[in-house]
Amino acid sequence: MPYAPLKPCAVSGCPELVPSGRCSIHQRQVNSLREKSTARGYDHAWRLFRAGFIQRHPLCEDCLEGVDCPIGTVRAAEEVHHVIKISDDPSLKFVESNCRSLCKPHHSKRTGQGQ
């Protein structure tokens, strides 16, 4: 399977090359400042919804649409992305039309862009 070229870490001035987003050092810094997932609303009910959603949508939707992927590359979905963030509208947390199944790289990219 072809790999995407490495890019500089998303943190300005960091010389580390990564497939996408931040290098491991800067990602750990961001993670340490972040609230735990349960505090952000990702509880047991969410984990059940997420598992079912990925089972129904097993392939990354961005890969299927060819978003930032080499032609023909489709990865398995590992994450469920909210189109409208649940912090903006909690009522959309379990609405399937507000969710997209994404591979880890695509989800990290979207999240890093504030989507």
N, C-alpha and C. Protein backbone atom coordinates (compact mmCIF):
# COMPACT_ATOMS: atom_id res chain seq x y z
N MET A 1 0.85 -1.17 0.00
CA MET A 1 0.00 0.00 0.00
C MET A 1 0.89 1.23 0.00
N PRO A 2 0.65 2.21 -0.87
CA PRO A 2 1.49 3.41 -0.91
C PRO A 2 1.23 4.28 0.32
N TYR A 3 2.26 4.96 0.74
CA TYR A 3 2.16 5.86 1.88
C TYR A 3 2.25 7.30 1.42
N ALA A 4 1.56 8.18 2.14
CA ALA A 4 1.61 9.61 1.83
C ALA A 4 2.98 10.15 2.24
N PRO A 5 3.47 11.17 1.57
CA PRO A 5 4.75 11.76 1.95
C PRO A 5 4.65 12.39 3.34
N LEU A 6 5.77 12.40 4.05
CA LEU A 6 5.80 13.00 5.38
C LEU A 6 5.76 14.52 5.27
N LYS A 7 5.17 15.14 6.28
CA LYS A 7 5.02 16.60 6.33
C LYS A 7 5.58 17.10 7.66
N PRO A 8 5.93 18.38 7.74
CA PRO A 8 6.38 18.91 9.03
C PRO A 8 5.26 18.85 10.07
N CYS A 9 5.63 18.71 11.32
CA CYS A 9 4.68 18.75 12.44
C CYS A 9 3.85 20.03 12.33
N ALA A 10 2.58 19.96 12.73
CA ALA A 10 1.68 21.10 12.63
C ALA A 10 2.05 22.24 13.57
N VAL A 11 2.93 21.98 14.53
CA VAL A 11 3.36 23.03 15.45
C VAL A 11 4.48 23.83 14.79
N SER A 12 4.26 25.11 14.66
CA SER A 12 5.20 25.98 13.98
C SER A 12 6.60 25.88 14.59
N GLY A 13 7.59 25.69 13.73
CA GLY A 13 8.98 25.62 14.16
C GLY A 13 9.48 24.24 14.52
N CYS A 14 8.59 23.26 14.61
CA CYS A 14 9.02 21.90 14.94
C CYS A 14 9.56 21.24 13.68
N PRO A 15 10.77 20.69 13.74
CA PRO A 15 11.38 20.10 12.55
C PRO A 15 10.96 18.65 12.28
N GLU A 16 10.21 18.06 13.19
CA GLU A 16 9.83 16.65 13.07
C GLU A 16 8.93 16.41 11.86
N LEU A 17 9.18 15.33 11.12
CA LEU A 17 8.34 14.96 9.97
C LEU A 17 7.36 13.89 10.38
N VAL A 18 6.10 14.05 10.00
CA VAL A 18 5.02 13.14 10.39
C VAL A 18 4.09 12.91 9.21
N PRO A 19 3.31 11.80 9.21
CA PRO A 19 2.34 11.57 8.12
C PRO A 19 1.28 12.67 8.07
N SER A 20 0.81 13.11 9.26
CA SER A 20 -0.17 14.21 9.32
C SER A 20 -0.25 14.70 10.76
N GLY A 21 -0.68 15.92 10.95
CA GLY A 21 -0.90 16.46 12.28
C GLY A 21 0.37 16.83 13.02
N ARG A 22 0.40 16.46 14.31
CA ARG A 22 1.51 16.81 15.18
C ARG A 22 2.43 15.62 15.43
N CYS A 23 3.66 15.92 15.81
CA CYS A 23 4.59 14.86 16.20
C CYS A 23 4.14 14.30 17.56
N SER A 24 4.69 13.18 17.96
CA SER A 24 4.24 12.53 19.20
C SER A 24 4.45 13.41 20.43
N ILE A 25 5.51 14.19 20.47
CA ILE A 25 5.76 15.06 21.63
C ILE A 25 4.67 16.13 21.73
N HIS A 26 4.38 16.80 20.62
CA HIS A 26 3.37 17.85 20.67
C HIS A 26 1.96 17.28 20.85
N GLN A 27 1.70 16.09 20.33
CA GLN A 27 0.38 15.48 20.52
C GLN A 27 0.17 15.12 21.98
N ARG A 28 1.22 14.62 22.65
CA ARG A 28 1.12 14.31 24.09
C ARG A 28 0.83 15.58 24.89
N GLN A 29 1.46 16.70 24.51
CA GLN A 29 1.21 17.96 25.21
C GLN A 29 -0.26 18.37 25.07
N VAL A 30 -0.80 18.24 23.87
CA VAL A 30 -2.21 18.58 23.64
C VAL A 30 -3.10 17.64 24.44
N ASN A 31 -2.81 16.35 24.41
CA ASN A 31 -3.63 15.37 25.12
C ASN A 31 -3.62 15.61 26.63
N SER A 32 -2.48 16.02 27.19
CA SER A 32 -2.40 16.22 28.63
C SER A 32 -3.25 17.41 29.08
N LEU A 33 -3.50 18.37 28.19
CA LEU A 33 -4.32 19.53 28.52
C LEU A 33 -5.81 19.29 28.30
N ARG A 34 -6.12 18.25 27.58
CA ARG A 34 -7.50 17.95 27.21
C ARG A 34 -8.25 17.27 28.34
N GLU A 35 -9.55 17.55 28.43
CA GLU A 35 -10.39 16.84 29.40
C GLU A 35 -10.47 15.37 29.01
N LYS A 36 -10.74 14.53 29.98
CA LYS A 36 -10.94 13.10 29.70
C LYS A 36 -12.17 12.94 28.81
N SER A 37 -12.19 11.85 28.05
CA SER A 37 -13.27 11.64 27.09
C SER A 37 -14.65 11.60 27.75
N THR A 38 -14.75 11.00 28.93
CA THR A 38 -16.06 10.95 29.60
C THR A 38 -16.53 12.36 30.00
N ALA A 39 -15.60 13.24 30.35
CA ALA A 39 -15.96 14.62 30.70
C ALA A 39 -16.44 15.39 29.46
N ARG A 40 -16.01 14.94 28.28
CA ARG A 40 -16.44 15.59 27.04
C ARG A 40 -17.71 14.97 26.46
N GLY A 41 -18.30 14.00 27.18
CA GLY A 41 -19.57 13.42 26.75
C GLY A 41 -19.47 12.06 26.08
N TYR A 42 -18.28 11.48 26.03
CA TYR A 42 -18.11 10.18 25.38
C TYR A 42 -18.15 9.07 26.43
N ASP A 43 -19.36 8.73 26.84
CA ASP A 43 -19.59 7.78 27.91
C ASP A 43 -19.90 6.38 27.36
N HIS A 44 -20.42 5.51 28.20
CA HIS A 44 -20.73 4.13 27.80
C HIS A 44 -21.75 4.10 26.66
N ALA A 45 -22.77 4.94 26.75
CA ALA A 45 -23.79 4.98 25.69
C ALA A 45 -23.15 5.37 24.36
N TRP A 46 -22.20 6.32 24.41
CA TRP A 46 -21.50 6.72 23.18
C TRP A 46 -20.69 5.56 22.63
N ARG A 47 -19.98 4.85 23.49
CA ARG A 47 -19.15 3.74 23.02
C ARG A 47 -19.99 2.66 22.33
N LEU A 48 -21.20 2.42 22.85
CA LEU A 48 -22.10 1.46 22.20
C LEU A 48 -22.57 1.98 20.84
N PHE A 49 -22.96 3.26 20.79
CA PHE A 49 -23.39 3.87 19.53
C PHE A 49 -22.25 3.82 18.51
N ARG A 50 -21.05 4.19 18.95
CA ARG A 50 -19.87 4.23 18.09
C ARG A 50 -19.58 2.85 17.48
N ALA A 51 -19.63 1.82 18.33
CA ALA A 51 -19.35 0.46 17.85
C ALA A 51 -20.37 0.05 16.79
N GLY A 52 -21.64 0.35 17.02
CA GLY A 52 -22.68 0.01 16.05
C GLY A 52 -22.53 0.81 14.77
N PHE A 53 -22.18 2.09 14.89
CA PHE A 53 -22.03 2.94 13.72
C PHE A 53 -20.88 2.44 12.84
N ILE A 54 -19.76 2.11 13.46
CA ILE A 54 -18.61 1.60 12.69
C ILE A 54 -18.95 0.24 12.07
N GLN A 55 -19.74 -0.56 12.76
CA GLN A 55 -20.14 -1.84 12.18
C GLN A 55 -21.01 -1.63 10.93
N ARG A 56 -21.87 -0.62 10.96
CA ARG A 56 -22.73 -0.32 9.81
C ARG A 56 -22.00 0.46 8.72
N HIS A 57 -20.94 1.17 9.09
CA HIS A 57 -20.16 1.98 8.15
C HIS A 57 -18.67 1.66 8.35
N PRO A 58 -18.22 0.49 7.88
CA PRO A 58 -16.88 0.01 8.22
C PRO A 58 -15.71 0.67 7.49
N LEU A 59 -16.00 1.45 6.45
CA LEU A 59 -14.91 2.07 5.68
C LEU A 59 -14.90 3.58 5.88
N CYS A 60 -13.71 4.15 5.84
CA CYS A 60 -13.55 5.60 6.00
C CYS A 60 -14.26 6.33 4.86
N GLU A 61 -15.18 7.22 5.23
CA GLU A 61 -15.95 7.95 4.23
C GLU A 61 -15.09 8.94 3.45
N ASP A 62 -14.08 9.52 4.11
CA ASP A 62 -13.18 10.43 3.38
C ASP A 62 -12.34 9.66 2.37
N CYS A 63 -11.86 8.47 2.74
CA CYS A 63 -11.11 7.64 1.79
C CYS A 63 -11.99 7.28 0.59
N LEU A 64 -13.23 6.90 0.86
CA LEU A 64 -14.15 6.52 -0.22
C LEU A 64 -14.38 7.69 -1.18
N GLU A 65 -14.35 8.92 -0.64
CA GLU A 65 -14.55 10.11 -1.48
C GLU A 65 -13.24 10.61 -2.08
N GLY A 66 -12.13 9.95 -1.74
CA GLY A 66 -10.83 10.34 -2.30
C GLY A 66 -10.25 11.59 -1.69
N VAL A 67 -10.68 11.95 -0.48
CA VAL A 67 -10.18 13.15 0.19
C VAL A 67 -8.76 12.89 0.69
N ASP A 68 -7.79 13.63 0.15
CA ASP A 68 -6.38 13.52 0.57
C ASP A 68 -5.88 12.08 0.61
N CYS A 69 -6.26 11.27 -0.37
CA CYS A 69 -5.84 9.88 -0.44
C CYS A 69 -5.31 9.57 -1.83
N PRO A 70 -4.32 8.71 -1.90
CA PRO A 70 -3.95 8.21 -3.23
C PRO A 70 -5.16 7.47 -3.82
N ILE A 71 -5.34 7.56 -5.11
CA ILE A 71 -6.48 6.93 -5.77
C ILE A 71 -6.50 5.44 -5.45
N GLY A 72 -7.66 4.95 -5.04
CA GLY A 72 -7.82 3.54 -4.74
C GLY A 72 -7.49 3.15 -3.32
N THR A 73 -7.02 4.08 -2.51
CA THR A 73 -6.71 3.78 -1.11
C THR A 73 -7.94 3.98 -0.25
N VAL A 74 -8.39 2.93 0.40
CA VAL A 74 -9.53 3.01 1.30
C VAL A 74 -9.15 2.26 2.58
N ARG A 75 -9.20 2.98 3.70
CA ARG A 75 -8.85 2.38 4.99
C ARG A 75 -10.10 2.07 5.79
N ALA A 76 -9.94 1.19 6.76
CA ALA A 76 -11.03 0.85 7.67
C ALA A 76 -11.33 2.03 8.58
N ALA A 77 -12.58 2.21 8.92
CA ALA A 77 -12.97 3.26 9.87
C ALA A 77 -12.56 2.85 11.27
N GLU A 78 -12.00 3.79 12.00
CA GLU A 78 -11.61 3.56 13.39
C GLU A 78 -12.26 4.57 14.32
N GLU A 79 -12.75 5.67 13.76
CA GLU A 79 -13.30 6.77 14.54
C GLU A 79 -14.65 7.19 13.98
N VAL A 80 -15.47 7.80 14.84
CA VAL A 80 -16.73 8.40 14.39
C VAL A 80 -16.61 9.89 14.64
N HIS A 81 -16.77 10.65 13.57
CA HIS A 81 -16.61 12.11 13.61
C HIS A 81 -17.97 12.77 13.60
N HIS A 82 -18.17 13.75 14.48
CA HIS A 82 -19.40 14.55 14.46
C HIS A 82 -19.21 15.71 13.50
N VAL A 83 -20.09 15.82 12.53
CA VAL A 83 -20.04 16.93 11.56
C VAL A 83 -20.26 18.24 12.31
N ILE A 84 -21.32 18.31 13.10
CA ILE A 84 -21.54 19.43 14.02
C ILE A 84 -21.12 18.92 15.39
N LYS A 85 -20.13 19.58 15.98
CA LYS A 85 -19.56 19.12 17.24
C LYS A 85 -20.63 19.02 18.33
N ILE A 86 -20.52 18.01 19.19
CA ILE A 86 -21.51 17.87 20.26
C ILE A 86 -21.39 19.01 21.27
N SER A 87 -20.24 19.65 21.32
CA SER A 87 -20.12 20.83 22.20
C SER A 87 -20.96 21.99 21.66
N ASP A 88 -21.20 22.02 20.35
CA ASP A 88 -22.03 23.05 19.73
C ASP A 88 -23.52 22.71 19.78
N ASP A 89 -23.85 21.41 19.68
CA ASP A 89 -25.25 20.98 19.73
C ASP A 89 -25.32 19.56 20.28
N PRO A 90 -25.42 19.42 21.61
CA PRO A 90 -25.44 18.09 22.24
C PRO A 90 -26.59 17.20 21.76
N SER A 91 -27.65 17.78 21.25
CA SER A 91 -28.79 16.97 20.79
C SER A 91 -28.44 16.12 19.57
N LEU A 92 -27.32 16.43 18.89
CA LEU A 92 -26.93 15.68 17.69
C LEU A 92 -25.94 14.54 17.99
N LYS A 93 -25.70 14.28 19.26
CA LYS A 93 -24.71 13.28 19.65
C LYS A 93 -24.97 11.91 19.03
N PHE A 94 -26.21 11.46 19.03
CA PHE A 94 -26.55 10.12 18.53
C PHE A 94 -27.31 10.16 17.21
N VAL A 95 -27.20 11.24 16.46
CA VAL A 95 -27.88 11.38 15.17
C VAL A 95 -26.93 10.89 14.08
N GLU A 96 -27.29 9.78 13.44
CA GLU A 96 -26.39 9.17 12.45
C GLU A 96 -26.06 10.11 11.30
N SER A 97 -26.99 10.95 10.89
CA SER A 97 -26.71 11.86 9.77
C SER A 97 -25.70 12.94 10.14
N ASN A 98 -25.41 13.09 11.44
CA ASN A 98 -24.39 14.04 11.90
C ASN A 98 -23.04 13.37 12.10
N CYS A 99 -22.95 12.09 11.77
CA CYS A 99 -21.72 11.34 12.01
C CYS A 99 -21.11 10.84 10.71
N ARG A 100 -19.78 10.71 10.72
CA ARG A 100 -19.04 10.14 9.59
C ARG A 100 -18.05 9.12 10.16
N SER A 101 -17.96 7.98 9.52
CA SER A 101 -16.94 7.00 9.92
C SER A 101 -15.65 7.38 9.20
N LEU A 102 -14.56 7.49 9.98
CA LEU A 102 -13.29 7.92 9.43
C LEU A 102 -12.14 7.04 9.94
N CYS A 103 -11.09 6.95 9.13
CA CYS A 103 -9.86 6.31 9.58
C CYS A 103 -9.19 7.29 10.55
N LYS A 104 -8.23 6.79 11.30
CA LYS A 104 -7.54 7.63 12.28
C LYS A 104 -6.88 8.86 11.64
N PRO A 105 -6.13 8.71 10.52
CA PRO A 105 -5.51 9.90 9.93
C PRO A 105 -6.51 10.99 9.51
N HIS A 106 -7.62 10.57 8.89
CA HIS A 106 -8.60 11.57 8.46
C HIS A 106 -9.28 12.22 9.67
N HIS A 107 -9.58 11.42 10.70
CA HIS A 107 -10.22 12.01 11.89
C HIS A 107 -9.28 12.99 12.58
N SER A 108 -8.01 12.61 12.68
CA SER A 108 -7.03 13.51 13.32
C SER A 108 -6.91 14.81 12.53
N LYS A 109 -6.90 14.69 11.21
CA LYS A 109 -6.80 15.89 10.38
C LYS A 109 -7.99 16.81 10.57
N ARG A 110 -9.19 16.24 10.52
CA ARG A 110 -10.40 17.05 10.68
C ARG A 110 -10.43 17.70 12.09
N THR A 111 -10.10 16.92 13.10
CA THR A 111 -10.11 17.43 14.46
C THR A 111 -9.06 18.53 14.62
N GLY A 112 -7.89 18.32 14.04
CA GLY A 112 -6.83 19.32 14.10
C GLY A 112 -7.19 20.62 13.40
N GLN A 113 -8.09 20.54 12.44
CA GLN A 113 -8.55 21.73 11.72
C GLN A 113 -9.76 22.37 12.40
N GLY A 114 -10.15 21.82 13.54
CA GLY A 114 -11.28 22.39 14.29
C GLY A 114 -12.63 22.00 13.77
N GLN A 115 -12.69 20.97 12.95
CA GLN A 115 -13.99 20.53 12.40
C GLN A 115 -14.70 19.63 13.38
